[in-house]
Each structure stands twice: as structure tokens, then as C-alpha cells.
């Protein structure tokens, strides 16, 4: 994990790739729980028997499930000492270039694209987060995530 001692150190790291998270399992149970939480029970996600005959040969994770794993994944890549609070500010871009079959493992790589002092102790980060599937070249999710940190 990359640790920044200050906001200044963070600001000086724009353009750097910070590293990768640990691998996370994307199980059918996780997909089913997400379906229950969101009400999205489309068969391609929750019906393994029917999904065998579908375009991917198995169930796949919801794109938004993949996206919802950003906090755990990014939280394993870097931290900033002295942060009093962090909030999600939004996303500038999200793409799902390839499907994520259940039973896969994923990890995230993080690159700081921009870091701006917003005043009154707030720093805004724009990070490119690329979520990859173990053993596959094409990512399953790429997003430019905006985070505001109160330091």
C-alpha cells in the first residue's frame, strides 16, 4: 500500500501509477446479494442454468456490482495520513469493456490523474481505476473516480 504523509505529497504524485489491490473473488453468492440489494434479478446474473445457454456461457456480475467494489479495491492501494474524512464526489467516466463471469478474481490498479487543492482543507483527487480480471488482458471496468478528502 502506498502511504502519503501529507496533501502536498499527494499533489506531487499526479501522473503516477500507485499500484494494485489484492485479488477479490466475485462469487455467485456476491452477485445474488447484489441482485437482492438492487432488485436487478436479470437471468444473466442470477440463473446459472439459463446462463449456460447465454452469450457468456455462465452468469456474469452486474456492471454496477463491479463499480461498487471500488472502495474495497482502492482502499487497498493507497491512503493519506491525517485525512479526517473522505467522500465520493462522482465519476467522470465509466466503461465496462468486457464481461465479468462469476467465479472470477479481480483487482484494481490506480493512477492519479489530477489532485487539486479546493481550499479549506479539501483536496480533490481524480484517479483512473482499472479493474482487471485475473488471466485476461481486457479490463472489466475503467473509471475516472473523483474523491474529496478533508485533510
Protein backbone atom coordinates (compact mmCIF):
# COMPACT_ATOMS: atom_id res chain seq x y z
CA UNK A 1 0.00 0.00 0.00
CA UNK A 2 1.22 3.45 -0.88
CA UNK A 3 1.01 5.89 2.04
CA UNK A 4 1.09 9.65 1.61
CA UNK A 5 2.22 11.67 4.61
CA UNK A 6 0.51 14.90 3.51
CA UNK A 7 -1.73 16.56 0.96
CA UNK A 8 1.37 18.13 -0.59
CA UNK A 9 2.91 14.72 -1.16
CA UNK A 10 -0.34 13.61 -2.76
CA UNK A 11 -0.43 16.68 -5.03
CA UNK A 12 3.14 15.93 -6.13
CA UNK A 13 2.14 12.41 -7.23
CA UNK A 14 -0.10 13.34 -10.15
CA UNK A 15 0.62 11.09 -13.10
CA UNK A 16 1.90 8.19 -11.00
CA UNK A 17 0.52 4.68 -11.00
CA UNK A 18 0.13 3.82 -7.32
CA UNK A 19 -0.09 0.04 -7.60
CA UNK A 20 -2.65 -2.72 -7.35
CA UNK A 21 -5.16 -4.03 -4.85
CA UNK A 22 -5.32 -7.60 -3.66
CA UNK A 23 -7.36 -10.06 -5.72
CA UNK A 24 -11.05 -10.29 -4.78
CA UNK A 25 -13.37 -13.21 -5.53
CA UNK A 26 -16.56 -12.49 -7.45
CA UNK A 27 -18.78 -15.36 -6.33
CA UNK A 28 -22.32 -16.22 -7.34
CA UNK A 29 -23.33 -15.51 -3.74
CA UNK A 30 -21.93 -11.97 -4.01
CA UNK A 31 -23.78 -11.45 -7.30
CA UNK A 32 -27.03 -12.78 -5.79
CA UNK A 33 -26.72 -10.50 -2.75
CA UNK A 34 -26.18 -7.51 -5.05
CA UNK A 35 -29.23 -8.54 -7.09
CA UNK A 36 -31.29 -8.67 -3.88
CA UNK A 37 -30.00 -5.28 -2.75
CA UNK A 38 -30.75 -3.58 -6.07
CA UNK A 39 -33.74 -5.53 -7.35
CA UNK A 40 -31.85 -6.39 -10.56
CA UNK A 41 -32.54 -10.12 -10.93
CA UNK A 42 -31.88 -10.41 -14.66
CA UNK A 43 -31.22 -14.07 -15.51
CA UNK A 44 -27.74 -13.35 -16.93
CA UNK A 45 -26.70 -12.54 -13.35
CA UNK A 46 -28.69 -14.92 -11.12
CA UNK A 47 -29.74 -18.02 -13.12
CA UNK A 48 -26.68 -20.26 -13.68
CA UNK A 49 -28.66 -22.90 -15.61
CA UNK A 50 -30.19 -20.46 -18.08
CA UNK A 51 -26.91 -18.51 -18.32
CA UNK A 52 -25.13 -21.65 -19.59
CA UNK A 53 -27.10 -21.17 -22.81
CA UNK A 54 -26.49 -17.41 -22.90
CA UNK A 55 -23.82 -15.44 -24.72
CA UNK A 56 -21.19 -15.86 -21.97
CA UNK A 57 -21.79 -19.50 -21.02
CA UNK A 58 -22.18 -18.58 -17.35
CA UNK A 59 -23.60 -15.88 -15.11
CA UNK A 60 -21.83 -12.53 -15.06
CA UNK A 61 -21.55 -9.84 -12.40
CA UNK A 62 -23.60 -6.69 -12.72
CA UNK A 63 -21.53 -3.78 -14.01
CA UNK A 64 -22.67 -1.76 -11.02
CA UNK A 65 -21.56 -4.52 -8.66
CA UNK A 66 -18.09 -4.26 -10.17
CA UNK A 67 -18.22 -0.49 -9.73
CA UNK A 68 -19.44 -0.82 -6.14
CA UNK A 69 -16.25 -2.69 -5.24
CA UNK A 70 -14.16 0.45 -5.77
CA UNK A 71 -13.98 1.34 -2.05
CA UNK A 72 -12.53 -2.01 -1.01
CA UNK A 73 -10.21 -2.22 -4.01
CA UNK A 74 -8.90 1.35 -4.00
CA UNK A 75 -8.65 1.29 -0.19
CA UNK A 76 -6.00 -1.41 -0.55
CA UNK A 77 -3.88 0.66 -2.95
CA UNK A 78 -3.23 3.93 -1.12
CA UNK A 79 -4.03 6.01 1.93
CA UNK A 80 -3.31 9.56 3.06
CA UNK A 81 -2.26 10.12 6.65
CA UNK A 82 -4.24 12.74 8.54
CA UNK A 83 -7.42 12.50 6.48
CA UNK A 84 -10.37 13.49 8.64
CA UNK A 85 -12.97 12.46 6.09
CA UNK A 86 -13.24 11.27 2.51
CA UNK A 87 -16.29 11.43 0.26
CA UNK A 88 -17.12 10.14 -3.19
CA UNK A 89 -17.61 13.16 -5.40
CA UNK A 90 -18.61 11.32 -8.56
CA UNK A 91 -17.30 9.70 -11.70
CA UNK A 92 -16.18 11.43 -14.86
CA UNK A 93 -16.28 8.28 -16.96
CA UNK A 94 -17.22 4.62 -16.55
CA UNK A 95 -16.79 1.84 -19.09
CA UNK A 96 -17.26 -1.93 -18.86
CA UNK A 97 -15.06 -3.18 -21.74
CA UNK A 98 -15.59 -6.89 -21.03
CA UNK A 99 -17.94 -9.09 -19.00
CA UNK A 100 -17.06 -10.38 -15.54
CA UNK A 101 -18.04 -14.06 -15.20
CA UNK A 102 -18.90 -15.26 -11.72
CA UNK A 103 -16.10 -17.28 -10.16
CA UNK A 104 -13.51 -14.77 -11.40
CA UNK A 105 -10.95 -12.82 -9.41
CA UNK A 106 -10.48 -9.09 -9.89
CA UNK A 107 -8.06 -6.43 -8.75
CA UNK A 108 -7.74 -2.70 -9.33
CA UNK A 109 -4.85 -0.57 -10.50
CA UNK A 110 -4.93 3.11 -9.55
CA UNK A 111 -3.32 6.10 -11.26
CA UNK A 112 -3.66 9.68 -10.03
CA UNK A 113 -4.75 11.83 -12.96
CA UNK A 114 -5.26 15.07 -11.02
CA UNK A 115 -5.13 16.41 -7.47
CA UNK A 116 -6.46 19.86 -6.75
CA UNK A 117 -6.47 21.93 -3.59
CA UNK A 118 -10.09 23.02 -3.18
CA UNK A 119 -9.41 25.20 -0.13
CA UNK A 120 -10.49 24.95 3.49
CA UNK A 121 -8.57 21.67 3.85
CA UNK A 122 -10.22 19.88 0.92
CA UNK A 123 -8.24 18.09 -1.79
CA UNK A 124 -9.97 16.60 -4.82
CA UNK A 125 -8.47 13.57 -6.50
CA UNK A 126 -9.22 12.25 -9.93
CA UNK A 127 -7.99 8.67 -10.20
CA UNK A 128 -8.13 6.32 -13.14
CA UNK A 129 -9.16 2.98 -11.68
CA UNK A 130 -8.76 -0.03 -13.95
CA UNK A 131 -10.35 -3.25 -12.71
CA UNK A 132 -8.89 -6.30 -14.33
CA UNK A 133 -9.90 -9.94 -14.34
CA UNK A 134 -7.24 -12.45 -13.44
CA UNK A 135 -5.80 -14.11 -16.53
CA UNK A 136 -7.39 -11.70 -19.03
CA UNK A 137 -5.85 -8.74 -20.78
CA UNK A 138 -9.00 -6.67 -21.34
CA UNK A 139 -10.26 -4.86 -18.21
CA UNK A 140 -13.77 -5.37 -16.87
CA UNK A 141 -14.16 -1.77 -15.71
CA UNK A 142 -12.34 1.51 -16.25
CA UNK A 143 -13.44 4.65 -14.44
CA UNK A 144 -12.20 8.11 -13.55
CA UNK A 145 -13.26 8.38 -9.92
CA UNK A 146 -13.46 11.70 -8.08
CA UNK A 147 -12.82 11.75 -4.35
CA UNK A 148 -12.70 14.67 -1.96
CA UNK A 149 -10.50 14.41 1.10
CA UNK A 150 -10.68 16.67 4.12
CA UNK A 151 -7.13 16.83 5.45
